[in-house]
Amino acid sequence: MGEQPDVQRLDDEAVEPRLARLDAALGQLEQTPGRTAELGLEAVEILTEVYGEALARIIDVVADVPRTLDRLTGDELLRHLLLLHRIHPDPLEPRVARAVDDLRPQLRAQGAEIALVDVQDEVARISLSASSCGGGGGALGDLVREQVLTFAPELSAVEVVAPAPTPALIPVATLWKRPDRTDETATSAAGRAAGPLALGGTE
């Protein structure tokens, strides 16, 4: 086989502005009247479908090779495309959990804590504690929603909620009570133990 020709590769920093330019160009086409613009959008749609099918077949081929599959899904650009085409092999909840884990160091640096509560009916509930975000609002809450939707775009909503309150401490006095005895039983037992003195009688 002959040598493969050199192909210019794009790193993540080079890909991002190109994607932004593509979005801008598609936006202009959508606002442009006429058959030419319609044909342009149709061509992009067909091309996207074909490349999506090609990616899906690649995922099928490497599905039984975990290390290779992890490398594909770990690449930021490939992950974005797999999510875009709804062919990411990881289930929904693990992807949400990964988004939360990726955010945790950044939020801790700002004095906030984050945790995944649950994912039900295409709604993810995320616990966020930070004095500056008011229990879920503000810039940090928006950051959480954006990050989670990046990893799980099929979600219908991301709810940022305040953490559950810490349970109150159990009073020490209750530790001496048997759970199977009511206060009335305990009082009766105390009266019997006291004998005549409990009735106020003396000899």
N, C-alpha and C. Protein backbone atom coordinates (compact mmCIF):
# COMPACT_ATOMS: atom_id res chain seq x y z
N MET A 1 0.83 -1.20 0.00
CA MET A 1 0.00 0.00 0.00
C MET A 1 0.87 1.25 0.00
N GLY A 2 0.45 2.24 -0.74
CA GLY A 2 1.20 3.47 -0.77
C GLY A 2 0.97 4.28 0.49
N GLU A 3 1.83 5.27 0.68
CA GLU A 3 1.69 6.12 1.86
C GLU A 3 0.41 6.95 1.77
N GLN A 4 -0.22 7.08 2.93
CA GLN A 4 -1.42 7.90 3.00
C GLN A 4 -1.04 9.38 2.90
N PRO A 5 -1.77 10.15 2.12
CA PRO A 5 -1.45 11.58 2.02
C PRO A 5 -1.70 12.27 3.35
N ASP A 6 -0.91 13.29 3.60
CA ASP A 6 -1.09 14.05 4.83
C ASP A 6 -2.44 14.78 4.79
N VAL A 7 -3.17 14.63 5.88
CA VAL A 7 -4.47 15.28 6.00
C VAL A 7 -4.41 16.25 7.18
N GLN A 8 -4.83 17.48 6.94
CA GLN A 8 -4.82 18.47 8.00
C GLN A 8 -5.82 18.09 9.07
N ARG A 9 -5.34 17.97 10.30
CA ARG A 9 -6.20 17.64 11.42
C ARG A 9 -6.57 18.90 12.19
N LEU A 10 -7.70 18.85 12.84
CA LEU A 10 -8.19 19.98 13.61
C LEU A 10 -8.25 19.60 15.07
N ASP A 11 -7.63 20.42 15.92
CA ASP A 11 -7.78 20.18 17.35
C ASP A 11 -9.07 20.83 17.84
N ASP A 12 -9.38 20.64 19.13
CA ASP A 12 -10.64 21.14 19.66
C ASP A 12 -10.76 22.66 19.53
N GLU A 13 -9.65 23.36 19.69
CA GLU A 13 -9.69 24.82 19.59
C GLU A 13 -10.01 25.27 18.17
N ALA A 14 -9.61 24.48 17.18
CA ALA A 14 -9.91 24.83 15.79
C ALA A 14 -11.32 24.42 15.40
N VAL A 15 -11.85 23.37 16.04
CA VAL A 15 -13.19 22.89 15.70
C VAL A 15 -14.27 23.85 16.18
N GLU A 16 -14.10 24.38 17.38
CA GLU A 16 -15.15 25.21 17.98
C GLU A 16 -15.55 26.40 17.12
N PRO A 17 -14.60 27.21 16.60
CA PRO A 17 -15.04 28.35 15.77
C PRO A 17 -15.67 27.90 14.45
N ARG A 18 -15.27 26.75 13.95
CA ARG A 18 -15.87 26.25 12.72
C ARG A 18 -17.33 25.86 12.94
N LEU A 19 -17.60 25.24 14.09
CA LEU A 19 -18.98 24.91 14.40
C LEU A 19 -19.83 26.17 14.57
N ALA A 20 -19.23 27.20 15.17
CA ALA A 20 -19.95 28.46 15.33
C ALA A 20 -20.26 29.08 13.96
N ARG A 21 -19.30 29.02 13.05
CA ARG A 21 -19.51 29.56 11.70
C ARG A 21 -20.59 28.76 10.97
N LEU A 22 -20.59 27.44 11.18
CA LEU A 22 -21.61 26.61 10.54
C LEU A 22 -22.99 26.98 11.04
N ASP A 23 -23.14 27.17 12.34
CA ASP A 23 -24.43 27.57 12.90
C ASP A 23 -24.88 28.91 12.32
N ALA A 24 -23.94 29.84 12.20
CA ALA A 24 -24.28 31.16 11.66
C ALA A 24 -24.71 31.05 10.20
N ALA A 25 -23.99 30.24 9.43
CA ALA A 25 -24.33 30.08 8.01
C ALA A 25 -25.69 29.44 7.84
N LEU A 26 -25.98 28.42 8.65
CA LEU A 26 -27.29 27.77 8.56
C LEU A 26 -28.40 28.74 8.97
N GLY A 27 -28.12 29.58 9.96
CA GLY A 27 -29.09 30.57 10.37
C GLY A 27 -29.40 31.55 9.25
N GLN A 28 -28.39 31.95 8.50
CA GLN A 28 -28.60 32.87 7.38
C GLN A 28 -29.39 32.18 6.26
N LEU A 29 -29.08 30.89 6.02
CA LEU A 29 -29.82 30.17 4.98
C LEU A 29 -31.31 30.06 5.34
N GLU A 30 -31.58 29.83 6.61
CA GLU A 30 -32.98 29.69 7.03
C GLU A 30 -33.75 30.98 6.83
N GLN A 31 -33.06 32.12 6.89
CA GLN A 31 -33.72 33.41 6.74
C GLN A 31 -33.71 33.91 5.29
N THR A 32 -33.05 33.16 4.41
CA THR A 32 -32.94 33.58 3.02
C THR A 32 -34.06 32.95 2.19
N PRO A 33 -34.89 33.73 1.53
CA PRO A 33 -35.97 33.16 0.72
C PRO A 33 -35.42 32.60 -0.59
N GLY A 34 -36.19 31.72 -1.19
CA GLY A 34 -35.82 31.22 -2.51
C GLY A 34 -35.44 29.74 -2.50
N ARG A 35 -35.50 29.17 -3.67
CA ARG A 35 -35.23 27.75 -3.83
C ARG A 35 -33.77 27.40 -3.57
N THR A 36 -32.87 28.33 -3.87
CA THR A 36 -31.45 28.04 -3.65
C THR A 36 -31.15 27.79 -2.19
N ALA A 37 -31.69 28.63 -1.32
CA ALA A 37 -31.48 28.45 0.11
C ALA A 37 -32.12 27.14 0.59
N GLU A 38 -33.30 26.83 0.06
CA GLU A 38 -33.97 25.58 0.44
C GLU A 38 -33.14 24.38 0.04
N LEU A 39 -32.54 24.42 -1.15
CA LEU A 39 -31.68 23.32 -1.60
C LEU A 39 -30.43 23.20 -0.72
N GLY A 40 -29.90 24.35 -0.31
CA GLY A 40 -28.73 24.32 0.56
C GLY A 40 -29.03 23.65 1.89
N LEU A 41 -30.15 24.01 2.51
CA LEU A 41 -30.55 23.40 3.78
C LEU A 41 -30.85 21.92 3.61
N GLU A 42 -31.47 21.56 2.47
CA GLU A 42 -31.77 20.16 2.21
C GLU A 42 -30.49 19.35 2.07
N ALA A 43 -29.51 19.92 1.39
CA ALA A 43 -28.23 19.22 1.21
C ALA A 43 -27.53 18.99 2.55
N VAL A 44 -27.56 20.01 3.42
CA VAL A 44 -26.95 19.86 4.74
C VAL A 44 -27.68 18.79 5.55
N GLU A 45 -29.00 18.77 5.46
CA GLU A 45 -29.79 17.78 6.21
C GLU A 45 -29.46 16.36 5.75
N ILE A 46 -29.39 16.15 4.43
CA ILE A 46 -29.08 14.82 3.92
C ILE A 46 -27.66 14.41 4.31
N LEU A 47 -26.73 15.34 4.20
CA LEU A 47 -25.34 15.05 4.56
C LEU A 47 -25.23 14.68 6.04
N THR A 48 -25.97 15.40 6.87
CA THR A 48 -25.96 15.11 8.31
C THR A 48 -26.51 13.71 8.59
N GLU A 49 -27.57 13.33 7.91
CA GLU A 49 -28.15 12.01 8.10
C GLU A 49 -27.16 10.92 7.69
N VAL A 50 -26.46 11.12 6.58
CA VAL A 50 -25.51 10.12 6.10
C VAL A 50 -24.34 9.98 7.07
N TYR A 51 -23.79 11.10 7.52
CA TYR A 51 -22.69 11.03 8.48
C TYR A 51 -23.15 10.45 9.81
N GLY A 52 -24.38 10.73 10.20
CA GLY A 52 -24.91 10.13 11.41
C GLY A 52 -24.99 8.62 11.31
N GLU A 53 -25.45 8.12 10.15
CA GLU A 53 -25.50 6.67 9.94
C GLU A 53 -24.10 6.07 9.94
N ALA A 54 -23.12 6.79 9.36
CA ALA A 54 -21.74 6.30 9.35
C ALA A 54 -21.20 6.19 10.79
N LEU A 55 -21.48 7.19 11.62
CA LEU A 55 -21.04 7.14 13.01
C LEU A 55 -21.71 5.98 13.75
N ALA A 56 -22.99 5.77 13.50
CA ALA A 56 -23.72 4.68 14.15
C ALA A 56 -23.10 3.34 13.79
N ARG A 57 -22.67 3.17 12.55
CA ARG A 57 -22.06 1.90 12.15
C ARG A 57 -20.69 1.72 12.81
N ILE A 58 -19.97 2.81 12.98
CA ILE A 58 -18.69 2.72 13.68
C ILE A 58 -18.90 2.27 15.12
N ILE A 59 -19.90 2.85 15.78
CA ILE A 59 -20.22 2.45 17.15
C ILE A 59 -20.60 0.98 17.21
N ASP A 60 -21.35 0.50 16.22
CA ASP A 60 -21.72 -0.91 16.18
C ASP A 60 -20.48 -1.80 16.08
N VAL A 61 -19.51 -1.38 15.29
CA VAL A 61 -18.31 -2.19 15.08
C VAL A 61 -17.48 -2.29 16.36
N VAL A 62 -17.37 -1.20 17.09
CA VAL A 62 -16.50 -1.18 18.27
C VAL A 62 -17.26 -1.43 19.57
N ALA A 63 -18.53 -1.78 19.49
CA ALA A 63 -19.34 -1.96 20.69
C ALA A 63 -18.77 -3.03 21.61
N ASP A 64 -18.11 -4.03 21.04
CA ASP A 64 -17.55 -5.13 21.83
C ASP A 64 -16.09 -4.90 22.20
N VAL A 65 -15.60 -3.71 21.95
CA VAL A 65 -14.20 -3.37 22.30
C VAL A 65 -14.26 -2.18 23.26
N PRO A 66 -14.43 -2.45 24.56
CA PRO A 66 -14.69 -1.37 25.52
C PRO A 66 -13.66 -0.26 25.49
N ARG A 67 -12.38 -0.59 25.39
CA ARG A 67 -11.35 0.46 25.44
C ARG A 67 -11.47 1.39 24.24
N THR A 68 -11.72 0.82 23.08
CA THR A 68 -11.88 1.66 21.89
C THR A 68 -13.14 2.50 21.99
N LEU A 69 -14.22 1.89 22.48
CA LEU A 69 -15.47 2.63 22.64
C LEU A 69 -15.30 3.79 23.62
N ASP A 70 -14.56 3.56 24.70
CA ASP A 70 -14.33 4.62 25.68
C ASP A 70 -13.54 5.77 25.07
N ARG A 71 -12.58 5.43 24.20
CA ARG A 71 -11.80 6.49 23.54
C ARG A 71 -12.68 7.32 22.61
N LEU A 72 -13.61 6.67 21.94
CA LEU A 72 -14.49 7.41 21.04
C LEU A 72 -15.43 8.32 21.82
N THR A 73 -16.05 7.78 22.86
CA THR A 73 -17.00 8.58 23.63
C THR A 73 -16.30 9.61 24.51
N GLY A 74 -15.01 9.43 24.76
CA GLY A 74 -14.26 10.39 25.57
C GLY A 74 -13.77 11.58 24.78
N ASP A 75 -13.77 11.48 23.45
CA ASP A 75 -13.36 12.59 22.61
C ASP A 75 -14.48 13.63 22.56
N GLU A 76 -14.14 14.88 22.83
CA GLU A 76 -15.17 15.91 22.95
C GLU A 76 -15.97 16.10 21.67
N LEU A 77 -15.30 16.14 20.52
CA LEU A 77 -16.01 16.34 19.26
C LEU A 77 -16.89 15.13 18.93
N LEU A 78 -16.33 13.93 19.08
CA LEU A 78 -17.11 12.73 18.78
C LEU A 78 -18.30 12.60 19.73
N ARG A 79 -18.07 12.92 21.01
CA ARG A 79 -19.18 12.86 21.96
C ARG A 79 -20.30 13.80 21.54
N HIS A 80 -19.92 14.99 21.11
CA HIS A 80 -20.92 15.97 20.67
C HIS A 80 -21.72 15.43 19.49
N LEU A 81 -21.04 14.83 18.53
CA LEU A 81 -21.72 14.31 17.34
C LEU A 81 -22.60 13.10 17.67
N LEU A 82 -22.10 12.24 18.56
CA LEU A 82 -22.89 11.08 18.96
C LEU A 82 -24.17 11.51 19.67
N LEU A 83 -24.05 12.53 20.51
CA LEU A 83 -25.23 13.05 21.19
C LEU A 83 -26.17 13.73 20.21
N LEU A 84 -25.61 14.46 19.26
CA LEU A 84 -26.41 15.16 18.26
C LEU A 84 -27.27 14.19 17.47
N HIS A 85 -26.69 13.04 17.14
CA HIS A 85 -27.40 12.05 16.33
C HIS A 85 -28.15 11.04 17.19
N ARG A 86 -28.14 11.24 18.52
CA ARG A 86 -28.84 10.35 19.45
C ARG A 86 -28.36 8.91 19.34
N ILE A 87 -27.05 8.72 19.16
CA ILE A 87 -26.50 7.37 19.05
C ILE A 87 -25.40 7.14 20.09
N HIS A 88 -25.35 7.99 21.11
CA HIS A 88 -24.36 7.77 22.16
C HIS A 88 -24.67 6.46 22.86
N PRO A 89 -23.66 5.58 23.02
CA PRO A 89 -23.94 4.24 23.58
C PRO A 89 -24.23 4.23 25.07
N ASP A 90 -23.85 5.25 25.82
CA ASP A 90 -24.07 5.25 27.26
C ASP A 90 -25.52 5.62 27.58
N PRO A 91 -26.11 4.97 28.59
CA PRO A 91 -27.47 5.32 29.01
C PRO A 91 -27.54 6.76 29.53
N LEU A 92 -28.75 7.24 29.67
CA LEU A 92 -28.98 8.64 30.05
C LEU A 92 -28.39 8.99 31.41
N GLU A 93 -28.75 8.24 32.45
CA GLU A 93 -28.35 8.61 33.81
C GLU A 93 -26.83 8.63 34.00
N PRO A 94 -26.07 7.65 33.49
CA PRO A 94 -24.60 7.74 33.62
C PRO A 94 -24.02 8.98 32.95
N ARG A 95 -24.62 9.42 31.86
CA ARG A 95 -24.11 10.63 31.21
C ARG A 95 -24.39 11.86 32.06
N VAL A 96 -25.56 11.90 32.69
CA VAL A 96 -25.87 13.01 33.59
C VAL A 96 -24.90 13.00 34.78
N ALA A 97 -24.64 11.81 35.30
CA ALA A 97 -23.71 11.69 36.43
C ALA A 97 -22.31 12.16 36.03
N ARG A 98 -21.90 11.86 34.82
CA ARG A 98 -20.58 12.30 34.36
C ARG A 98 -20.53 13.82 34.24
N ALA A 99 -21.61 14.42 33.76
CA ALA A 99 -21.66 15.88 33.66
C ALA A 99 -21.52 16.51 35.05
N VAL A 100 -22.18 15.92 36.03
CA VAL A 100 -22.09 16.42 37.40
C VAL A 100 -20.68 16.26 37.94
N ASP A 101 -20.07 15.11 37.70
CA ASP A 101 -18.71 14.85 38.18
C ASP A 101 -17.71 15.83 37.55
N ASP A 102 -17.90 16.11 36.27
CA ASP A 102 -16.99 17.04 35.58
C ASP A 102 -17.11 18.45 36.12
N LEU A 103 -18.32 18.81 36.56
CA LEU A 103 -18.54 20.16 37.09
C LEU A 103 -18.05 20.33 38.52
N ARG A 104 -17.97 19.24 39.28
CA ARG A 104 -17.73 19.34 40.72
C ARG A 104 -16.46 20.13 41.08
N PRO A 105 -15.29 19.86 40.47
CA PRO A 105 -14.10 20.65 40.84
C PRO A 105 -14.26 22.15 40.59
N GLN A 106 -14.87 22.49 39.47
CA GLN A 106 -15.07 23.91 39.14
C GLN A 106 -15.98 24.59 40.15
N LEU A 107 -17.05 23.91 40.55
CA LEU A 107 -17.99 24.50 41.50
C LEU A 107 -17.40 24.57 42.90
N ARG A 108 -16.63 23.55 43.29
CA ARG A 108 -16.00 23.59 44.60
C ARG A 108 -15.04 24.76 44.72
N ALA A 109 -14.38 25.10 43.62
CA ALA A 109 -13.47 26.24 43.63
C ALA A 109 -14.23 27.54 43.89
N GLN A 110 -15.54 27.52 43.63
CA GLN A 110 -16.37 28.70 43.88
C GLN A 110 -17.21 28.55 45.15
N GLY A 111 -16.87 27.55 45.96
CA GLY A 111 -17.56 27.36 47.23
C GLY A 111 -18.90 26.68 47.12
N ALA A 112 -19.14 25.93 46.05
CA ALA A 112 -20.44 25.27 45.85
C ALA A 112 -20.24 23.76 45.81
N GLU A 113 -21.30 23.05 46.15
CA GLU A 113 -21.31 21.59 46.09
C GLU A 113 -22.46 21.14 45.19
N ILE A 114 -22.21 20.09 44.43
CA ILE A 114 -23.21 19.60 43.48
C ILE A 114 -23.35 18.10 43.63
N ALA A 115 -24.57 17.59 43.40
CA ALA A 115 -24.82 16.15 43.48
C ALA A 115 -26.03 15.82 42.61
N LEU A 116 -26.00 14.64 42.01
CA LEU A 116 -27.13 14.16 41.24
C LEU A 116 -28.17 13.58 42.18
N VAL A 117 -29.40 14.08 42.11
CA VAL A 117 -30.49 13.56 42.94
C VAL A 117 -31.13 12.36 42.25
N ASP A 118 -31.65 12.58 41.04
CA ASP A 118 -32.22 11.47 40.28
C ASP A 118 -32.51 11.93 38.86
N VAL A 119 -32.83 10.95 38.01
CA VAL A 119 -33.26 11.21 36.64
C VAL A 119 -34.52 10.40 36.41
N GLN A 120 -35.65 11.09 36.23
CA GLN A 120 -36.93 10.42 36.04
C GLN A 120 -37.75 11.15 34.98
N ASP A 121 -38.34 10.36 34.09
CA ASP A 121 -39.23 10.93 33.07
C ASP A 121 -38.55 12.05 32.29
N GLU A 122 -37.30 11.81 31.91
CA GLU A 122 -36.53 12.77 31.11
C GLU A 122 -36.31 14.10 31.82
N VAL A 123 -36.36 14.07 33.14
CA VAL A 123 -36.06 15.26 33.95
C VAL A 123 -34.96 14.90 34.94
N ALA A 124 -33.87 15.67 34.91
CA ALA A 124 -32.77 15.46 35.84
C ALA A 124 -32.88 16.47 36.98
N ARG A 125 -32.75 15.98 38.21
CA ARG A 125 -32.78 16.85 39.38
C ARG A 125 -31.37 16.88 39.98
N ILE A 126 -30.83 18.09 40.07
CA ILE A 126 -29.46 18.28 40.52
C ILE A 126 -29.46 19.13 41.79
N SER A 127 -28.80 18.65 42.81
CA SER A 127 -28.68 19.40 44.06
C SER A 127 -27.48 20.34 43.96
N LEU A 128 -27.72 21.61 44.29
CA LEU A 128 -26.65 22.61 44.24
C LEU A 128 -26.73 23.49 45.48
N SER A 129 -25.64 23.52 46.23
CA SER A 129 -25.60 24.35 47.44
C SER A 129 -24.52 25.39 47.29
N ALA A 130 -24.92 26.65 47.33
CA ALA A 130 -23.97 27.76 47.25
C ALA A 130 -24.69 29.02 47.68
N SER A 131 -24.07 29.79 48.54
CA SER A 131 -24.71 30.99 49.06
C SER A 131 -24.95 32.02 47.97
N SER A 132 -24.13 31.97 46.90
CA SER A 132 -24.25 32.99 45.85
C SER A 132 -25.32 32.69 44.83
N CYS A 133 -25.85 31.40 44.84
CA CYS A 133 -26.82 31.08 43.80
C CYS A 133 -28.21 30.90 44.37
N GLY A 134 -28.39 31.12 45.66
CA GLY A 134 -29.72 31.06 46.22
C GLY A 134 -30.38 29.71 46.10
N GLY A 135 -29.57 28.63 46.22
CA GLY A 135 -30.15 27.30 46.18
C GLY A 135 -30.53 26.83 44.80
N GLY A 136 -29.95 27.37 43.75
CA GLY A 136 -30.24 26.84 42.43
C GLY A 136 -30.41 27.90 41.36
N GLY A 137 -30.59 29.16 41.73
CA GLY A 137 -30.74 30.19 40.72
C GLY A 137 -29.42 30.84 40.39
N GLY A 138 -29.46 31.79 39.46
CA GLY A 138 -28.26 32.56 39.16
C GLY A 138 -27.34 31.86 38.18
N ALA A 139 -26.13 32.41 38.10
CA ALA A 139 -25.18 31.96 37.09
C ALA A 139 -24.76 30.51 37.27
N LEU A 140 -24.57 30.07 38.52
CA LEU A 140 -24.14 28.68 38.73
C LEU A 140 -25.24 27.70 38.32
N GLY A 141 -26.48 28.04 38.61
CA GLY A 141 -27.58 27.19 38.20
C GLY A 141 -27.66 27.07 36.68
N ASP A 142 -27.46 28.20 35.99
CA ASP A 142 -27.47 28.18 34.52
C ASP A 142 -26.31 27.34 33.99
N LEU A 143 -25.15 27.44 34.64
CA LEU A 143 -24.00 26.65 34.23
C LEU A 143 -24.29 25.16 34.34
N VAL A 144 -24.92 24.77 35.44
CA VAL A 144 -25.26 23.36 35.65
C VAL A 144 -26.22 22.87 34.57
N ARG A 145 -27.25 23.64 34.29
CA ARG A 145 -28.22 23.24 33.27
C ARG A 145 -27.55 23.08 31.91
N GLU A 146 -26.70 24.02 31.56
CA GLU A 146 -26.04 23.98 30.25
C GLU A 146 -25.14 22.75 30.14
N GLN A 147 -24.37 22.47 31.20
CA GLN A 147 -23.47 21.34 31.18
C GLN A 147 -24.22 20.02 31.08
N VAL A 148 -25.28 19.87 31.87
CA VAL A 148 -26.03 18.62 31.87
C VAL A 148 -26.71 18.40 30.52
N LEU A 149 -27.27 19.45 29.94
CA LEU A 149 -27.93 19.31 28.64
C LEU A 149 -26.93 19.03 27.53
N THR A 150 -25.68 19.45 27.72
CA THR A 150 -24.65 19.12 26.74
C THR A 150 -24.40 17.62 26.71
N PHE A 151 -24.41 17.00 27.89
CA PHE A 151 -24.18 15.56 27.98
C PHE A 151 -25.46 14.76 27.73
N ALA A 152 -26.61 15.36 27.93
CA ALA A 152 -27.88 14.64 27.79
C ALA A 152 -28.91 15.55 27.13
N PRO A 153 -28.78 15.82 25.84
CA PRO A 153 -29.69 16.76 25.17
C PRO A 153 -31.12 16.25 25.06
N GLU A 154 -31.33 14.95 25.27
CA GLU A 154 -32.70 14.43 25.17
C GLU A 154 -33.53 14.73 26.41
N LEU A 155 -32.92 15.28 27.45
CA LEU A 155 -33.68 15.66 28.64
C LEU A 155 -34.69 16.76 28.30
N SER A 156 -35.86 16.66 28.90
CA SER A 156 -36.85 17.71 28.71
C SER A 156 -36.64 18.87 29.67
N ALA A 157 -35.95 18.62 30.79
CA ALA A 157 -35.69 19.68 31.76
C ALA A 157 -34.58 19.27 32.71
N VAL A 158 -33.91 20.27 33.25
CA VAL A 158 -32.91 20.07 34.30
C VAL A 158 -33.31 20.96 35.47
N GLU A 159 -33.70 20.35 36.58
CA GLU A 159 -34.13 21.10 37.75
C GLU A 159 -32.98 21.19 38.75
N VAL A 160 -32.57 22.41 39.06
CA VAL A 160 -31.53 22.64 40.05
C VAL A 160 -32.21 22.97 41.37
N VAL A 161 -32.00 22.12 42.37
CA VAL A 161 -32.72 22.25 43.64
C VAL A 161 -31.74 22.42 44.79
N ALA A 162 -32.28 22.89 45.91
CA ALA A 162 -31.47 23.02 47.12
C ALA A 162 -31.27 21.64 47.74
N PRO A 163 -30.16 21.43 48.44
CA PRO A 163 -29.92 20.14 49.07
C PRO A 163 -30.97 19.84 50.13
N ALA A 164 -31.21 18.55 50.36
CA ALA A 164 -32.14 18.16 51.41
C ALA A 164 -31.57 18.56 52.76
N PRO A 165 -32.42 19.03 53.70
CA PRO A 165 -31.92 19.44 55.01
C PRO A 165 -31.29 18.28 55.76
N THR A 166 -30.26 18.60 56.54
CA THR A 166 -29.59 17.58 57.33
C THR A 166 -30.50 17.13 58.47
N PRO A 167 -30.66 15.80 58.68
CA PRO A 167 -31.53 15.33 59.76
C PRO A 167 -31.08 15.87 61.11
N ALA A 168 -32.07 16.21 61.98
CA ALA A 168 -31.75 16.72 63.31
C ALA A 168 -31.12 15.61 64.15
N LEU A 169 -30.27 16.02 65.11
CA LEU A 169 -29.65 15.05 66.00
C LEU A 169 -30.70 14.42 66.92
N ILE A 170 -30.54 13.15 67.22
CA ILE A 170 -31.45 12.46 68.12
C ILE A 170 -31.13 12.86 69.55
N PRO A 171 -32.14 13.33 70.33
CA PRO A 171 -31.88 13.69 71.73
C PRO A 171 -31.32 12.50 72.50
N VAL A 172 -30.34 12.77 73.36
CA VAL A 172 -29.70 11.70 74.11
C VAL A 172 -30.71 10.96 74.98
N ALA A 173 -31.70 11.69 75.52
CA ALA A 173 -32.67 11.06 76.42
C ALA A 173 -33.43 9.93 75.74
N THR A 174 -33.67 10.07 74.42
CA THR A 174 -34.45 9.04 73.74
C THR A 174 -33.67 7.76 73.58
N LEU A 175 -32.37 7.83 73.69
CA LEU A 175 -31.55 6.62 73.55
C LEU A 175 -31.79 5.64 74.69
N TRP A 176 -32.32 6.12 75.83
CA TRP A 176 -32.53 5.26 76.98
C TRP A 176 -33.91 4.61 76.96
N LYS A 177 -34.75 4.97 76.01
CA LYS A 177 -36.09 4.39 75.93
C LYS A 177 -36.12 3.21 74.99
N ARG A 178 -36.81 2.17 75.40
CA ARG A 178 -37.00 1.04 74.52
C ARG A 178 -38.04 1.40 73.47
N PRO A 179 -37.77 1.12 72.19
CA PRO A 179 -38.71 1.51 71.14
C PRO A 179 -40.03 0.78 71.19
N ASP A 180 -40.11 -0.38 71.91
CA ASP A 180 -41.34 -1.15 71.95
C ASP A 180 -42.20 -0.84 73.17
N ARG A 181 -41.82 0.22 73.91
CA ARG A 181 -42.59 0.58 75.10
C ARG A 181 -43.11 2.00 74.98
N THR A 182 -44.38 2.19 75.25
CA THR A 182 -44.96 3.53 75.19
C THR A 182 -44.66 4.27 76.48
N ASP A 183 -44.91 5.57 76.48
CA ASP A 183 -44.68 6.37 77.69
C ASP A 183 -45.57 5.89 78.82
N GLU A 184 -46.81 5.46 78.48
CA GLU A 184 -47.72 5.00 79.52
C GLU A 184 -47.19 3.74 80.18
N THR A 185 -46.65 2.84 79.37
CA THR A 185 -46.09 1.60 79.91
C THR A 185 -44.91 1.89 80.80
N ALA A 186 -44.07 2.82 80.34
CA ALA A 186 -42.89 3.17 81.12
C ALA A 186 -43.28 3.81 82.44
N THR A 187 -44.34 4.64 82.43
CA THR A 187 -44.79 5.28 83.67
C THR A 187 -45.33 4.26 84.65
N SER A 188 -46.11 3.29 84.17
CA SER A 188 -46.65 2.25 85.02
C SER A 188 -45.55 1.42 85.66
N ALA A 189 -44.54 1.12 84.84
CA ALA A 189 -43.43 0.34 85.36
C ALA A 189 -42.70 1.10 86.44
N ALA A 190 -42.56 2.41 86.24
CA ALA A 190 -41.87 3.21 87.24
C ALA A 190 -42.66 3.25 88.53
N GLY A 191 -44.03 3.28 88.45
CA GLY A 191 -44.87 3.32 89.64
C GLY A 191 -44.77 2.03 90.43
N ARG A 192 -44.75 0.91 89.73
CA ARG A 192 -44.65 -0.37 90.43
C ARG A 192 -43.31 -0.49 91.13
N ALA A 193 -42.27 0.03 90.48
CA ALA A 193 -40.93 -0.06 91.09
C ALA A 193 -40.86 0.79 92.34
N ALA A 194 -41.60 1.90 92.38
CA ALA A 194 -41.54 2.80 93.53
C ALA A 194 -42.26 2.24 94.74
N GLY A 195 -43.25 1.34 94.55
CA GLY A 195 -43.96 0.73 95.67
C GLY A 195 -44.82 1.71 96.42
N PRO A 196 -44.95 1.57 97.72
CA PRO A 196 -45.81 2.43 98.53
C PRO A 196 -45.46 3.89 98.44
N LEU A 197 -44.19 4.19 98.22
CA LEU A 197 -43.79 5.60 98.19
C LEU A 197 -44.48 6.33 97.06
N ALA A 198 -44.82 5.59 95.98
CA ALA A 198 -45.46 6.24 94.87
C ALA A 198 -46.87 6.68 95.23
N LEU A 199 -47.48 6.05 96.30
CA LEU A 199 -48.82 6.43 96.71
C LEU A 199 -48.81 7.44 97.83
N GLY A 200 -47.62 7.79 98.26
CA GLY A 200 -47.50 8.77 99.31
C GLY A 200 -47.63 8.18 100.68
N GLY A 201 -47.73 6.83 100.81
CA GLY A 201 -47.89 6.22 102.13
C GLY A 201 -46.57 5.98 102.82
N THR A 202 -46.55 6.10 104.11
CA THR A 202 -45.35 5.80 104.92
C THR A 202 -45.80 5.02 106.14
N GLU A 203 -44.94 4.27 106.76
CA GLU A 203 -45.26 3.49 107.94
C GLU A 203 -45.03 4.33 109.17
